[in-house]
PDB file of N, CA and C in Angstrom:
ATOM      1  N   UNK A   1      -3.485 -26.661   8.303  1.00  0.00           N
ATOM      2  CA  UNK A   1      -3.215 -27.944   9.490  1.00  0.00           C
ATOM      3  C   UNK A   1      -3.131 -26.720  10.573  1.00  0.00           C
ATOM      4  N   UNK A   2      -3.900 -27.404  11.664  1.00  0.00           N
ATOM      5  CA  UNK A   2      -3.506 -26.760  12.604  1.00  0.00           C
ATOM      6  C   UNK A   2      -2.029 -26.782  13.216  1.00  0.00           C
ATOM      7  N   UNK A   3      -1.662 -25.652  14.202  1.00  0.00           N
ATOM      8  CA  UNK A   3      -0.466 -26.012  14.548  1.00  0.00           C
ATOM      9  C   UNK A   3      -0.578 -25.395  16.248  1.00  0.00           C
ATOM     10  N   UNK A   4       0.429 -26.151  16.963  1.00  0.00           N
ATOM     11  CA  UNK A   4       0.341 -25.317  18.031  1.00  0.00           C
ATOM     12  C   UNK A   4       1.924 -25.225  19.017  1.00  0.00           C
ATOM     13  N   UNK A   5       1.577 -23.959  19.607  1.00  0.00           N
ATOM     14  CA  UNK A   5       2.524 -23.242  20.302  1.00  0.00           C
ATOM     15  C   UNK A   5       2.465 -23.801  21.618  1.00  0.00           C
ATOM     16  N   UNK A   6       3.866 -24.719  22.308  1.00  0.00           N
ATOM     17  CA  UNK A   6       3.654 -25.219  23.392  1.00  0.00           C
ATOM     18  C   UNK A   6       4.899 -24.460  24.348  1.00  0.00           C
ATOM     19  N   UNK A   7       4.793 -24.002  25.391  1.00  0.00           N
ATOM     20  CA  UNK A   7       5.843 -23.307  26.424  1.00  0.00           C
ATOM     21  C   UNK A   7       5.764 -24.103  27.863  1.00  0.00           C
ATOM     22  N   UNK A   8       6.556 -24.070  28.098  1.00  0.00           N
ATOM     23  CA  UNK A   8       7.201 -24.891  29.627  1.00  0.00           C
ATOM     24  C   UNK A   8       8.149 -23.670  29.974  1.00  0.00           C
ATOM     25  N   UNK A   9       7.982 -23.278  31.426  1.00  0.00           N
ATOM     26  CA  UNK A   9       8.577 -22.358  31.721  1.00  0.00           C
ATOM     27  C   UNK A   9       8.634 -22.105  33.234  1.00  0.00           C
ATOM     28  N   UNK A  10       9.641 -21.465  33.715  1.00  0.00           N
ATOM     29  CA  UNK A  10       9.664 -21.136  35.279  1.00  0.00           C
ATOM     30  C   UNK A  10       9.726 -19.619  35.344  1.00  0.00           C
ATOM     31  N   UNK A  11       8.759 -18.964  36.446  1.00  0.00           N
ATOM     32  CA  UNK A  11       8.616 -17.748  36.299  1.00  0.00           C
ATOM     33  C   UNK A  11       9.714 -17.487  37.380  1.00  0.00           C
ATOM     34  N   UNK A  12      10.942 -16.442  37.105  1.00  0.00           N
ATOM     35  CA  UNK A  12      11.973 -16.111  37.941  1.00  0.00           C
ATOM     36  C   UNK A  12      11.715 -14.953  38.633  1.00  0.00           C
ATOM     37  N   UNK A  13      10.794 -13.746  37.870  1.00  0.00           N
ATOM     38  CA  UNK A  13      10.268 -12.660  38.488  1.00  0.00           C
ATOM     39  C   UNK A  13       8.740 -12.262  38.458  1.00  0.00           C
ATOM     40  N   UNK A  14       8.168 -12.775  39.273  1.00  0.00           N
ATOM     41  CA  UNK A  14       6.806 -12.740  39.522  1.00  0.00           C
ATOM     42  C   UNK A  14       5.767 -11.345  39.203  1.00  0.00           C
ATOM     43  N   UNK A  15       6.718 -10.084  39.829  1.00  0.00           N
ATOM     44  CA  UNK A  15       6.063  -8.836  39.933  1.00  0.00           C
ATOM     45  C   UNK A  15       6.040  -8.775  38.144  1.00  0.00           C
ATOM     46  N   UNK A  16       6.981  -8.563  37.392  1.00  0.00           N
ATOM     47  CA  UNK A  16       7.360  -8.096  36.234  1.00  0.00           C
ATOM     48  C   UNK A  16       6.390  -9.278  35.035  1.00  0.00           C
ATOM     49  N   UNK A  17       6.493 -10.358  35.716  1.00  0.00           N
ATOM     50  CA  UNK A  17       6.148 -11.441  34.341  1.00  0.00           C
ATOM     51  C   UNK A  17       4.303 -10.900  34.632  1.00  0.00           C
ATOM     52  N   UNK A  18       3.717 -10.580  35.743  1.00  0.00           N
ATOM     53  CA  UNK A  18       2.115 -10.302  35.725  1.00  0.00           C
ATOM     54  C   UNK A  18       2.101  -9.166  34.877  1.00  0.00           C
ATOM     55  N   UNK A  19       2.886  -8.511  34.547  1.00  0.00           N
ATOM     56  CA  UNK A  19       2.643  -7.477  33.344  1.00  0.00           C
ATOM     57  C   UNK A  19       2.519  -8.215  32.009  1.00  0.00           C
ATOM     58  N   UNK A  20       2.720  -9.324  31.664  1.00  0.00           N
ATOM     59  CA  UNK A  20       2.982 -10.244  30.733  1.00  0.00           C
ATOM     60  C   UNK A  20       1.233 -10.826  30.391  1.00  0.00           C
ATOM     61  N   UNK A  21       1.282 -11.632  31.659  1.00  0.00           N
ATOM     62  CA  UNK A  21      -0.109 -11.951  31.409  1.00  0.00           C
ATOM     63  C   UNK A  21      -1.342 -10.925  31.415  1.00  0.00           C
ATOM     64  N   UNK A  22      -0.995  -9.708  31.429  1.00  0.00           N
ATOM     65  CA  UNK A  22      -2.089  -8.856  31.395  1.00  0.00           C
ATOM     66  C   UNK A  22      -2.309  -8.133  30.193  1.00  0.00           C
ATOM     67  N   UNK A  23      -1.227  -8.207  29.309  1.00  0.00           N
ATOM     68  CA  UNK A  23      -1.266  -8.058  27.872  1.00  0.00           C
ATOM     69  C   UNK A  23      -1.440  -8.738  26.909  1.00  0.00           C
ATOM     70  N   UNK A  24      -0.728 -10.265  27.083  1.00  0.00           N
ATOM     71  CA  UNK A  24      -0.688 -10.939  25.884  1.00  0.00           C
ATOM     72  C   UNK A  24      -2.090 -11.830  25.407  1.00  0.00           C
ATOM     73  N   UNK A  25      -3.552 -11.403  26.159  1.00  0.00           N
ATOM     74  CA  UNK A  25      -4.264 -11.949  25.253  1.00  0.00           C
ATOM     75  C   UNK A  25      -4.749 -11.326  24.030  1.00  0.00           C
ATOM     76  N   UNK A  26      -4.919 -10.089  24.047  1.00  0.00           N
ATOM     77  CA  UNK A  26      -5.576  -9.254  22.893  1.00  0.00           C
ATOM     78  C   UNK A  26      -4.367  -9.600  21.602  1.00  0.00           C
ATOM     79  N   UNK A  27      -3.417  -9.845  21.741  1.00  0.00           N
ATOM     80  CA  UNK A  27      -2.442 -10.177  20.691  1.00  0.00           C
ATOM     81  C   UNK A  27      -2.708 -11.353  19.909  1.00  0.00           C
ATOM     82  N   UNK A  28      -3.424 -12.223  20.422  1.00  0.00           N
ATOM     83  CA  UNK A  28      -3.864 -13.547  19.701  1.00  0.00           C
ATOM     84  C   UNK A  28      -4.746 -13.808  19.227  1.00  0.00           C
ATOM     85  N   UNK A  29      -6.043 -12.791  19.394  1.00  0.00           N
ATOM     86  CA  UNK A  29      -6.947 -12.972  18.555  1.00  0.00           C
ATOM     87  C   UNK A  29      -7.001 -12.635  17.036  1.00  0.00           C
ATOM     88  N   UNK A  30      -5.942 -12.046  16.543  1.00  0.00           N
ATOM     89  CA  UNK A  30      -6.042 -11.657  15.017  1.00  0.00           C
ATOM     90  C   UNK A  30      -5.680 -12.661  14.527  1.00  0.00           C
ATOM     91  N   UNK A  31      -4.686 -13.399  15.443  1.00  0.00           N
ATOM     92  CA  UNK A  31      -4.136 -14.605  14.544  1.00  0.00           C
ATOM     93  C   UNK A  31      -5.065 -15.911  14.860  1.00  0.00           C
ATOM     94  N   UNK A  32      -6.174 -15.835  15.117  1.00  0.00           N
ATOM     95  CA  UNK A  32      -7.149 -16.982  15.140  1.00  0.00           C
ATOM     96  C   UNK A  32      -6.620 -18.015  15.985  1.00  0.00           C
ATOM     97  N   UNK A  33      -6.004 -17.779  17.445  1.00  0.00           N
ATOM     98  CA  UNK A  33      -5.511 -18.320  18.544  1.00  0.00           C
ATOM     99  C   UNK A  33      -6.809 -19.108  19.532  1.00  0.00           C
ATOM    100  N   UNK A  34      -6.330 -20.174  19.908  1.00  0.00           N
ATOM    101  CA  UNK A  34      -7.152 -20.632  21.158  1.00  0.00           C
ATOM    102  C   UNK A  34      -6.024 -21.295  21.854  1.00  0.00           C
ATOM    103  N   UNK A  35      -6.312 -20.799  23.300  1.00  0.00           N
ATOM    104  CA  UNK A  35      -5.886 -20.988  24.508  1.00  0.00           C
ATOM    105  C   UNK A  35      -6.647 -22.411  24.631  1.00  0.00           C
ATOM    106  N   UNK A  36      -5.549 -23.464  24.645  1.00  0.00           N
ATOM    107  CA  UNK A  36      -6.095 -24.844  25.366  1.00  0.00           C
ATOM    108  C   UNK A  36      -5.753 -25.351  26.539  1.00  0.00           C
ATOM    109  N   UNK A  37      -4.485 -24.641  26.766  1.00  0.00           N
ATOM    110  CA  UNK A  37      -3.885 -24.920  28.268  1.00  0.00           C
ATOM    111  C   UNK A  37      -3.205 -23.941  28.908  1.00  0.00           C
ATOM    112  N   UNK A  38      -3.458 -23.295  30.016  1.00  0.00           N
ATOM    113  CA  UNK A  38      -2.204 -22.414  30.831  1.00  0.00           C
ATOM    114  C   UNK A  38      -2.540 -22.458  32.314  1.00  0.00           C
ATOM    115  N   UNK A  39      -1.667 -23.526  32.449  1.00  0.00           N
ATOM    116  CA  UNK A  39      -1.560 -23.575  34.124  1.00  0.00           C
ATOM    117  C   UNK A  39       0.086 -23.577  34.721  1.00  0.00           C
ATOM    118  N   UNK A  40      -0.416 -22.716  35.717  1.00  0.00           N
ATOM    119  CA  UNK A  40       0.913 -22.339  36.304  1.00  0.00           C
ATOM    120  C   UNK A  40       1.345 -23.421  37.200  1.00  0.00           C
ATOM    121  N   UNK A  41       0.520 -24.380  37.578  1.00  0.00           N
ATOM    122  CA  UNK A  41       1.089 -25.526  38.561  1.00  0.00           C
ATOM    123  C   UNK A  41       0.945 -26.882  37.647  1.00  0.00           C
ATOM    124  N   UNK A  42       1.397 -27.032  36.276  1.00  0.00           N
ATOM    125  CA  UNK A  42       1.440 -27.966  35.790  1.00  0.00           C
ATOM    126  C   UNK A  42       2.072 -29.166  36.576  1.00  0.00           C
ATOM    127  N   UNK A  43       1.527 -30.604  36.324  1.00  0.00           N
ATOM    128  CA  UNK A  43       1.838 -31.765  36.897  1.00  0.00           C
ATOM    129  C   UNK A  43       3.168 -32.400  36.181  1.00  0.00           C
ATOM    130  N   UNK A  44       4.249 -32.719  36.758  1.00  0.00           N
ATOM    131  CA  UNK A  44       5.004 -33.437  35.982  1.00  0.00           C
ATOM    132  C   UNK A  44       4.640 -34.818  35.799  1.00  0.00           C
ATOM    133  N   UNK A  45       5.081 -35.375  34.762  1.00  0.00           N
ATOM    134  CA  UNK A  45       4.645 -36.854  34.319  1.00  0.00           C
ATOM    135  C   UNK A  45       6.142 -37.416  34.108  1.00  0.00           C
ATOM    136  N   UNK A  46       6.953 -36.751  33.255  1.00  0.00           N
ATOM    137  CA  UNK A  46       7.989 -37.519  33.037  1.00  0.00           C
ATOM    138  C   UNK A  46       9.434 -36.187  33.003  1.00  0.00           C
ATOM    139  N   UNK A  47      10.342 -36.437  33.259  1.00  0.00           N
ATOM    140  CA  UNK A  47      11.560 -35.695  33.369  1.00  0.00           C
ATOM    141  C   UNK A  47      11.654 -34.714  34.049  1.00  0.00           C
ATOM    142  N   UNK A  48      12.017 -33.511  34.080  1.00  0.00           N
ATOM    143  CA  UNK A  48      12.103 -32.203  34.866  1.00  0.00           C
ATOM    144  C   UNK A  48      11.378 -31.239  34.345  1.00  0.00           C
ATOM    145  N   UNK A  49      10.174 -30.981  34.051  1.00  0.00           N
ATOM    146  CA  UNK A  49       9.606 -29.956  33.045  1.00  0.00           C
ATOM    147  C   UNK A  49       9.202 -28.757  34.258  1.00  0.00           C
ATOM    148  N   UNK A  50       9.299 -27.575  34.063  1.00  0.00           N
ATOM    149  CA  UNK A  50       8.830 -26.319  34.470  1.00  0.00           C
ATOM    150  C   UNK A  50       7.435 -26.625  35.054  1.00  0.00           C
ATOM    151  N   UNK A  51       7.161 -25.294  36.016  1.00  0.00           N
ATOM    152  CA  UNK A  51       5.950 -25.254  36.621  1.00  0.00           C
ATOM    153  C   UNK A  51       4.706 -24.777  35.523  1.00  0.00           C
ATOM    154  N   UNK A  52       5.152 -23.885  34.975  1.00  0.00           N
ATOM    155  CA  UNK A  52       4.037 -23.130  33.713  1.00  0.00           C
ATOM    156  C   UNK A  52       4.071 -24.296  32.522  1.00  0.00           C
ATOM    157  N   UNK A  53       2.837 -24.421  32.036  1.00  0.00           N
ATOM    158  CA  UNK A  53       2.655 -24.951  30.720  1.00  0.00           C
ATOM    159  C   UNK A  53       1.347 -24.184  29.958  1.00  0.00           C
ATOM    160  N   UNK A  54       1.884 -24.022  28.670  1.00  0.00           N
ATOM    161  CA  UNK A  54       0.657 -23.114  28.215  1.00  0.00           C
ATOM    162  C   UNK A  54       0.885 -23.486  26.767  1.00  0.00           C
ATOM    163  N   UNK A  55      -0.191 -23.975  26.235  1.00  0.00           N
ATOM    164  CA  UNK A  55      -0.389 -24.563  24.986  1.00  0.00           C
ATOM    165  C   UNK A  55      -1.752 -23.721  24.047  1.00  0.00           C
ATOM    166  N   UNK A  56      -1.236 -23.509  23.034  1.00  0.00           N
ATOM    167  CA  UNK A  56      -1.929 -22.507  22.417  1.00  0.00           C
ATOM    168  C   UNK A  56      -2.201 -23.010  20.494  1.00  0.00           C
ATOM    169  N   UNK A  57      -3.494 -23.053  20.418  1.00  0.00           N
ATOM    170  CA  UNK A  57      -3.588 -23.610  19.079  1.00  0.00           C
ATOM    171  C   UNK A  57      -3.986 -22.694  17.988  1.00  0.00           C
ATOM    172  N   UNK A  58      -3.328 -23.107  16.750  1.00  0.00           N
ATOM    173  CA  UNK A  58      -3.596 -21.960  15.791  1.00  0.00           C
ATOM    174  C   UNK A  58      -3.827 -22.307  14.610  1.00  0.00           C
ATOM    175  N   UNK A  59      -4.467 -21.738  13.479  1.00  0.00           N
ATOM    176  CA  UNK A  59      -4.845 -22.162  12.074  1.00  0.00           C
ATOM    177  C   UNK A  59      -3.918 -22.984  11.324  1.00  0.00           C
ATOM    178  N   UNK A  60      -2.812 -22.724  11.703  1.00  0.00           N
ATOM    179  CA  UNK A  60      -1.898 -23.218  11.054  1.00  0.00           C
ATOM    180  C   UNK A  60       0.035 -22.414  11.315  1.00  0.00           C
ATOM    181  N   UNK A  61       0.517 -23.075  11.041  1.00  0.00           N
ATOM    182  CA  UNK A  61       2.427 -22.964  11.387  1.00  0.00           C
ATOM    183  C   UNK A  61       2.389 -21.266  11.310  1.00  0.00           C
ATOM    184  N   UNK A  62       1.738 -20.906   9.768  1.00  0.00           N
ATOM    185  CA  UNK A  62       1.942 -19.656   9.325  1.00  0.00           C
ATOM    186  C   UNK A  62       1.378 -18.495  10.359  1.00  0.00           C
ATOM    187  N   UNK A  63       0.044 -19.128  10.524  1.00  0.00           N
ATOM    188  CA  UNK A  63      -0.493 -17.947  11.626  1.00  0.00           C
ATOM    189  C   UNK A  63       0.202 -17.712  13.118  1.00  0.00           C
ATOM    190  N   UNK A  64       0.659 -19.170  13.431  1.00  0.00           N
ATOM    191  CA  UNK A  64       1.430 -18.917  14.990  1.00  0.00           C
ATOM    192  C   UNK A  64       3.006 -18.079  14.728  1.00  0.00           C
ATOM    193  N   UNK A  65       3.116 -18.132  13.603  1.00  0.00           N
ATOM    194  CA  UNK A  65       4.356 -17.267  13.062  1.00  0.00           C
ATOM    195  C   UNK A  65       4.154 -16.105  13.165  1.00  0.00           C
ATOM    196  N   UNK A  66       3.110 -15.826  12.287  1.00  0.00           N
ATOM    197  CA  UNK A  66       2.520 -14.523  12.353  1.00  0.00           C
ATOM    198  C   UNK A  66       2.068 -13.540  13.443  1.00  0.00           C
ATOM    199  N   UNK A  67       1.847 -14.507  14.788  1.00  0.00           N
ATOM    200  CA  UNK A  67       1.511 -14.014  15.830  1.00  0.00           C
ATOM    201  C   UNK A  67       2.856 -13.712  16.567  1.00  0.00           C
ATOM    202  N   UNK A  68       3.360 -14.672  16.680  1.00  0.00           N
ATOM    203  CA  UNK A  68       5.042 -14.288  17.473  1.00  0.00           C
ATOM    204  C   UNK A  68       5.639 -13.616  16.906  1.00  0.00           C
ATOM    205  N   UNK A  69       5.860 -13.349  15.633  1.00  0.00           N
ATOM    206  CA  UNK A  69       6.746 -12.147  14.453  1.00  0.00           C
ATOM    207  C   UNK A  69       6.080 -11.176  14.701  1.00  0.00           C
ATOM    208  N   UNK A  70       4.884 -10.852  15.054  1.00  0.00           N
ATOM    209  CA  UNK A  70       3.853  -9.839  14.912  1.00  0.00           C
ATOM    210  C   UNK A  70       4.856  -8.282  15.991  1.00  0.00           C
ATOM    211  N   UNK A  71       4.660  -7.218  15.417  1.00  0.00           N
ATOM    212  CA  UNK A  71       5.099  -6.056  16.400  1.00  0.00           C
ATOM    213  C   UNK A  71       4.427  -6.048  17.666  1.00  0.00           C
ATOM    214  N   UNK A  72       2.977  -6.408  17.708  1.00  0.00           N
ATOM    215  CA  UNK A  72       2.270  -6.247  19.313  1.00  0.00           C
ATOM    216  C   UNK A  72       3.161  -7.510  20.186  1.00  0.00           C
ATOM    217  N   UNK A  73       3.188  -8.486  19.297  1.00  0.00           N
ATOM    218  CA  UNK A  73       3.818  -9.534  20.484  1.00  0.00           C
ATOM    219  C   UNK A  73       5.154  -9.313  20.766  1.00  0.00           C
ATOM    220  N   UNK A  74       6.216  -8.982  19.732  1.00  0.00           N
ATOM    221  CA  UNK A  74       7.591  -9.088  19.990  1.00  0.00           C
ATOM    222  C   UNK A  74       7.774  -7.706  20.712  1.00  0.00           C
ATOM    223  N   UNK A  75       6.972  -6.538  21.406  1.00  0.00           N
ATOM    224  CA  UNK A  75       7.110  -5.553  21.965  1.00  0.00           C
ATOM    225  C   UNK A  75       6.394  -6.156  23.476  1.00  0.00           C
ATOM    226  N   UNK A  76       5.935  -7.062  23.388  1.00  0.00           N
ATOM    227  CA  UNK A  76       5.889  -7.927  24.933  1.00  0.00           C
ATOM    228  C   UNK A  76       6.258  -9.071  25.429  1.00  0.00           C
ATOM    229  N   UNK A  77       7.122  -9.857  24.376  1.00  0.00           N
ATOM    230  CA  UNK A  77       7.978 -11.022  24.655  1.00  0.00           C
ATOM    231  C   UNK A  77       8.797 -10.650  25.566  1.00  0.00           C
ATOM    232  N   UNK A  78       9.912  -9.937  25.724  1.00  0.00           N
ATOM    233  CA  UNK A  78      10.478  -9.597  26.834  1.00  0.00           C
ATOM    234  C   UNK A  78       9.879  -9.453  28.253  1.00  0.00           C
ATOM    235  N   UNK A  79       8.619  -9.184  28.246  1.00  0.00           N
ATOM    236  CA  UNK A  79       8.021  -9.455  29.840  1.00  0.00           C
ATOM    237  C   UNK A  79       7.979 -11.014  30.028  1.00  0.00           C
ATOM    238  N   UNK A  80       8.007 -11.726  29.235  1.00  0.00           N
ATOM    239  CA  UNK A  80       7.862 -13.151  29.450  1.00  0.00           C
ATOM    240  C   UNK A  80       9.532 -14.028  29.592  1.00  0.00           C
ATOM    241  N   UNK A  81      10.319 -13.554  28.206  1.00  0.00           N
ATOM    242  CA  UNK A  81      11.532 -14.206  28.496  1.00  0.00           C
ATOM    243  C   UNK A  81      12.618 -13.605  29.037  1.00  0.00           C
ATOM    244  N   UNK A  82      12.375 -12.166  29.820  1.00  0.00           N
ATOM    245  CA  UNK A  82      13.446 -11.803  30.788  1.00  0.00           C
ATOM    246  C   UNK A  82      12.891 -12.144  32.362  1.00  0.00           C
ATOM    247  N   UNK A  83      11.648 -12.554  32.317  1.00  0.00           N
ATOM    248  CA  UNK A  83      11.127 -13.020  33.442  1.00  0.00           C
ATOM    249  C   UNK A  83      10.872 -14.647  33.970  1.00  0.00           C
ATOM    250  N   UNK A  84      11.089 -15.343  32.877  1.00  0.00           N
ATOM    251  CA  UNK A  84      11.301 -16.605  33.280  1.00  0.00           C
ATOM    252  C   UNK A  84      12.663 -17.340  32.625  1.00  0.00           C
ATOM    253  N   UNK A  85      12.466 -18.763  32.988  1.00  0.00           N
ATOM    254  CA  UNK A  85      13.374 -19.716  32.069  1.00  0.00           C
ATOM    255  C   UNK A  85      12.670 -20.772  31.863  1.00  0.00           C
ATOM    256  N   UNK A  86      12.732 -21.343  30.406  1.00  0.00           N
ATOM    257  CA  UNK A  86      12.322 -22.597  29.917  1.00  0.00           C
ATOM    258  C   UNK A  86      12.244 -22.554  28.480  1.00  0.00           C
ATOM    259  N   UNK A  87      11.287 -23.028  28.040  1.00  0.00           N
ATOM    260  CA  UNK A  87      11.436 -23.521  26.439  1.00  0.00           C
ATOM    261  C   UNK A  87       9.867 -23.358  25.500  1.00  0.00           C
ATOM    262  N   UNK A  88      10.028 -22.992  24.640  1.00  0.00           N
ATOM    263  CA  UNK A  88       8.929 -22.548  23.516  1.00  0.00           C
ATOM    264  C   UNK A  88       8.968 -23.402  22.484  1.00  0.00           C
ATOM    265  N   UNK A  89       8.297 -24.103  22.146  1.00  0.00           N
ATOM    266  CA  UNK A  89       8.390 -25.110  20.430  1.00  0.00           C
ATOM    267  C   UNK A  89       6.665 -24.588  19.590  1.00  0.00           C
ATOM    268  N   UNK A  90       6.898 -25.002  18.316  1.00  0.00           N
ATOM    269  CA  UNK A  90       5.914 -24.646  17.546  1.00  0.00           C
ATOM    270  C   UNK A  90       5.614 -26.133  16.772  1.00  0.00           C
ATOM    271  N   UNK A  91       4.692 -26.853  17.118  1.00  0.00           N
ATOM    272  CA  UNK A  91       4.503 -28.088  16.527  1.00  0.00           C
ATOM    273  C   UNK A  91       3.221 -28.250  15.690  1.00  0.00           C
ATOM    274  N   UNK A  92       3.415 -29.177  14.397  1.00  0.00           N
ATOM    275  CA  UNK A  92       2.144 -28.992  13.362  1.00  0.00           C
ATOM    276  C   UNK A  92       1.435 -30.115  14.190  1.00  0.00           C
ATOM    277  N   UNK A  93       0.022 -30.068  13.722  1.00  0.00           N
ATOM    278  CA  UNK A  93      -0.826 -30.871  14.282  1.00  0.00           C
ATOM    279  C   UNK A  93      -1.216 -31.839  13.105  1.00  0.00           C
ATOM    280  N   UNK A  94      -1.928 -32.835  13.421  1.00  0.00           N
ATOM    281  CA  UNK A  94      -2.089 -33.978  12.594  1.00  0.00           C
ATOM    282  C   UNK A  94      -3.156 -34.231  12.336  1.00  0.00           C
ATOM    283  N   UNK A  95      -3.478 -34.559  10.866  1.00  0.00           N
ATOM    284  CA  UNK A  95      -4.980 -34.629  10.244  1.00  0.00           C
ATOM    285  C   UNK A  95      -4.950 -36.119  11.045  1.00  0.00           C
ATOM    286  N   UNK A  96      -6.404 -36.401  11.077  1.00  0.00           N
ATOM    287  CA  UNK A  96      -6.800 -37.480  11.522  1.00  0.00           C
ATOM    288  C   UNK A  96      -7.044 -38.738  10.413  1.00  0.00           C
ATOM    289  N   UNK A  97      -7.018 -39.726  10.863  1.00  0.00           N
ATOM    290  CA  UNK A  97      -6.859 -40.940   9.545  1.00  0.00           C
ATOM    291  C   UNK A  97      -8.337 -40.996   8.966  1.00  0.00           C
ATOM    292  N   UNK A  98      -8.501 -41.265   7.949  1.00  0.00           N
ATOM    293  CA  UNK A  98      -9.623 -41.179   7.385  1.00  0.00           C
ATOM    294  C   UNK A  98      -9.983 -42.413   6.764  1.00  0.00           C
TER     295      UNK A  98
END
């Protein structure tokens, strides 16, 4: 079943964050990921979300965790987390009713 990595955050250091954007893409493909949304100016509908929203689809939670915990991603993760504030979650997809 598909799984979705959803991040919502505010960039606190634009110059250093740009380094993350330049290198994250190649870490995704080996894990079957598909970027469904990546919006630096997402529009709030409820609550007080941050500006940046990213939604990445993976074939499964295991694939998503494989990407997140991979040495390649862990090496660049601080480029995002040290230069932004926000949250990220992993959510299971839902099978369509039959």
